Amino acid sequence: MCTSQASRLFDSTEIAICKVLDAAVNSTDGAMNVTADDCLKTLATHLPLAKIVNISKLILKEDIQEAVQEAKASLVLKMMTRVFENLEADELSPVNDDLAPCAIQAYGSPSSSVRKTAVYCLVAMVNKLGMKTMEPHLQHLSSGKLNLVQVYVNRAM
């Protein structure tokens, strides 16, 4: 349904993403997390980008201290990474100023899993949009964090 009938979810994009996130967070089954992750990545590339950006910003701007929020943040960052890997740069440039600060904020999370997925998301952003476009956002990072992003960008090339 996520791919062949995605247009049916256009009007309820935010609800669909929240339901998938809730299913993943409330489940103790590890397979559910994998399935939810795959579903979110598919939805992110098949549903309206503006709605994906809005729900991602809302979720990532919440306090990332709780374990439930950490899991949601990781899944949303993975979804954002897929968006930046699969869409064209001209589509992503207008939303970069909305999403990059969220990824930068998540990179400062106390949770190592959130920080790791934030790094991958930032690397996808740099790879798609270029270092010059991302420079205003990356300048807020400490030198150690910036070096780590640059190492992963170089490896990806």
Protein backbone atom coordinates (compact mmCIF):
# COMPACT_ATOMS: atom_id res chain seq x y z
CA MET A 1 0.00 0.00 0.00
CA CYS A 2 2.85 2.40 0.77
CA THR A 3 4.02 2.36 -2.84
CA SER A 4 1.13 1.35 -5.06
CA GLN A 5 -1.58 3.31 -3.26
CA ALA A 6 0.36 6.15 -1.69
CA SER A 7 -1.94 8.74 -3.25
CA ARG A 8 -4.71 7.55 -0.93
CA LEU A 9 -2.62 8.79 1.99
CA PHE A 10 -1.93 12.29 0.60
CA ASP A 11 -4.62 13.92 2.72
CA SER A 12 -3.58 12.07 5.85
CA THR A 13 0.21 12.02 5.51
CA GLU A 14 0.86 13.25 9.04
CA ILE A 15 -1.56 10.74 10.55
CA ALA A 16 -0.05 7.86 8.60
CA ILE A 17 3.47 8.74 9.74
CA CYS A 18 2.39 9.19 13.35
CA LYS A 19 0.57 5.84 13.32
CA VAL A 20 3.66 4.07 11.96
CA LEU A 21 5.85 5.78 14.57
CA ASP A 22 3.47 4.83 17.37
CA ALA A 23 3.35 1.23 16.17
CA ALA A 24 7.14 1.05 16.18
CA VAL A 25 7.57 2.71 19.56
CA ASN A 26 4.82 0.73 21.32
CA SER A 27 5.96 -2.64 20.02
CA THR A 28 8.41 -4.93 21.78
CA ASP A 29 8.92 -6.93 18.60
CA GLY A 30 12.19 -6.06 16.86
CA ALA A 31 10.71 -6.96 13.49
CA MET A 32 8.14 -4.19 13.93
CA ASN A 33 10.91 -1.58 14.15
CA VAL A 34 12.46 -2.83 10.93
CA THR A 35 9.08 -2.86 9.21
CA ALA A 36 8.19 0.62 10.49
CA ASP A 37 11.57 1.95 9.40
CA ASP A 38 11.07 0.56 5.89
CA CYS A 39 7.49 1.83 5.76
CA LEU A 40 8.52 5.36 6.81
CA LYS A 41 11.29 5.45 4.23
CA THR A 42 8.83 4.41 1.54
CA LEU A 43 6.18 6.90 2.64
CA ALA A 44 8.77 9.69 2.69
CA THR A 45 9.47 9.31 -1.00
CA HIS A 46 5.86 8.77 -2.09
CA LEU A 47 3.94 11.39 -0.10
CA PRO A 48 3.96 15.21 -0.39
CA LEU A 49 7.33 16.61 0.66
CA ALA A 50 5.82 19.64 2.43
CA LYS A 51 3.84 17.39 4.75
CA ILE A 52 6.85 15.15 5.38
CA VAL A 53 8.87 18.23 6.32
CA ASN A 54 6.18 19.55 8.68
CA ILE A 55 5.75 16.31 10.61
CA SER A 56 9.50 15.74 10.76
CA LYS A 57 10.08 19.20 12.21
CA LEU A 58 7.37 18.70 14.83
CA ILE A 59 8.72 15.37 15.99
CA LEU A 60 12.37 16.42 16.03
CA LYS A 61 11.70 19.67 17.89
CA GLU A 62 10.15 17.78 20.79
CA ASP A 63 12.38 17.12 23.76
CA ILE A 64 14.54 14.09 22.91
CA GLN A 65 15.16 13.03 26.51
CA GLU A 66 12.63 10.23 26.81
CA ALA A 67 13.27 6.78 25.35
CA VAL A 68 10.04 6.93 23.32
CA GLN A 69 11.03 10.24 21.78
CA GLU A 70 14.54 8.92 21.06
CA ALA A 71 13.06 6.04 19.08
CA LYS A 72 10.77 8.39 17.16
CA ALA A 73 13.63 10.81 16.46
CA SER A 74 15.84 8.01 15.12
CA LEU A 75 13.10 6.76 12.81
CA VAL A 76 12.32 10.27 11.54
CA LEU A 77 16.01 10.99 10.93
CA LYS A 78 16.28 7.77 8.92
CA MET A 79 13.22 8.85 6.97
CA MET A 80 14.80 12.25 6.29
CA THR A 81 18.00 10.55 5.17
CA ARG A 82 16.00 8.55 2.62
CA VAL A 83 14.33 11.74 1.40
CA PHE A 84 17.71 13.37 0.78
CA GLU A 85 19.09 10.27 -0.89
CA ASN A 86 16.19 9.76 -3.29
CA LEU A 87 14.83 13.18 -4.26
CA GLU A 88 16.43 15.72 -6.56
CA ALA A 89 18.46 18.61 -5.17
CA ASP A 90 16.15 21.23 -6.69
CA GLU A 91 13.21 19.74 -4.73
CA LEU A 92 15.20 19.62 -1.51
CA SER A 93 16.82 23.06 -1.58
CA PRO A 94 13.66 24.90 -0.48
CA VAL A 95 13.16 22.62 2.55
CA ASN A 96 16.78 22.44 3.59
CA ASP A 97 16.51 25.48 5.86
CA ASP A 98 13.65 23.76 7.69
CA LEU A 99 15.24 20.33 8.07
CA ALA A 100 18.95 21.05 8.56
CA PRO A 101 18.49 22.81 11.94
CA CYS A 102 16.46 19.82 13.15
CA ALA A 103 19.25 17.42 12.19
CA ILE A 104 21.84 19.71 13.82
CA GLN A 105 19.75 19.80 17.01
CA ALA A 106 19.38 16.02 16.97
CA TYR A 107 23.17 15.69 16.61
CA GLY A 108 23.41 17.22 20.08
CA SER A 109 21.10 14.61 21.61
CA PRO A 110 22.23 12.68 24.70
CA SER A 111 21.23 9.46 22.89
CA SER A 112 24.02 7.89 20.85
CA SER A 113 21.57 6.29 18.42
CA VAL A 114 19.95 9.65 17.68
CA ARG A 115 23.36 11.27 17.20
CA LYS A 116 24.41 8.48 14.84
CA THR A 117 21.32 8.78 12.66
CA ALA A 118 21.67 12.58 12.71
CA VAL A 119 25.21 12.24 11.32
CA TYR A 120 23.97 10.00 8.51
CA CYS A 121 21.20 12.47 7.77
CA LEU A 122 23.64 15.40 7.65
CA VAL A 123 25.93 13.40 5.37
CA ALA A 124 23.02 12.72 3.01
CA MET A 125 22.21 16.44 3.03
CA VAL A 126 25.79 17.40 2.22
CA ASN A 127 26.06 14.76 -0.49
CA LYS A 128 22.87 15.92 -2.19
CA LEU A 129 23.09 19.70 -1.74
CA GLY A 130 26.82 20.26 -1.41
CA MET A 131 29.01 21.57 1.37
CA LYS A 132 28.54 25.17 0.28
CA THR A 133 24.77 24.98 0.77
CA MET A 134 25.10 23.25 4.12
CA GLU A 135 27.89 25.50 5.43
CA PRO A 136 25.58 27.98 7.25
CA HIS A 137 24.05 25.12 9.21
CA LEU A 138 27.21 23.15 9.84
CA GLN A 139 29.06 26.16 11.25
CA HIS A 140 27.03 25.72 14.45
CA LEU A 141 28.72 22.36 15.10
CA SER A 142 31.81 21.97 17.24
CA SER A 143 35.00 21.20 15.35
CA GLY A 144 34.92 17.55 16.45
CA LYS A 145 31.36 17.04 15.26
CA LEU A 146 32.07 18.83 12.00
CA ASN A 147 35.15 16.67 11.42
CA LEU A 148 33.08 13.53 11.93
CA VAL A 149 30.54 14.69 9.34
CA GLN A 150 33.35 15.49 6.90
CA VAL A 151 34.93 12.06 7.41
CA TYR A 152 31.64 10.35 6.55
CA VAL A 153 31.09 12.65 3.57
CA ASN A 154 34.55 11.78 2.25
CA ARG A 155 33.87 8.07 2.75
CA ALA A 156 30.59 8.35 0.89
CA MET A 157 32.35 9.85 -2.11
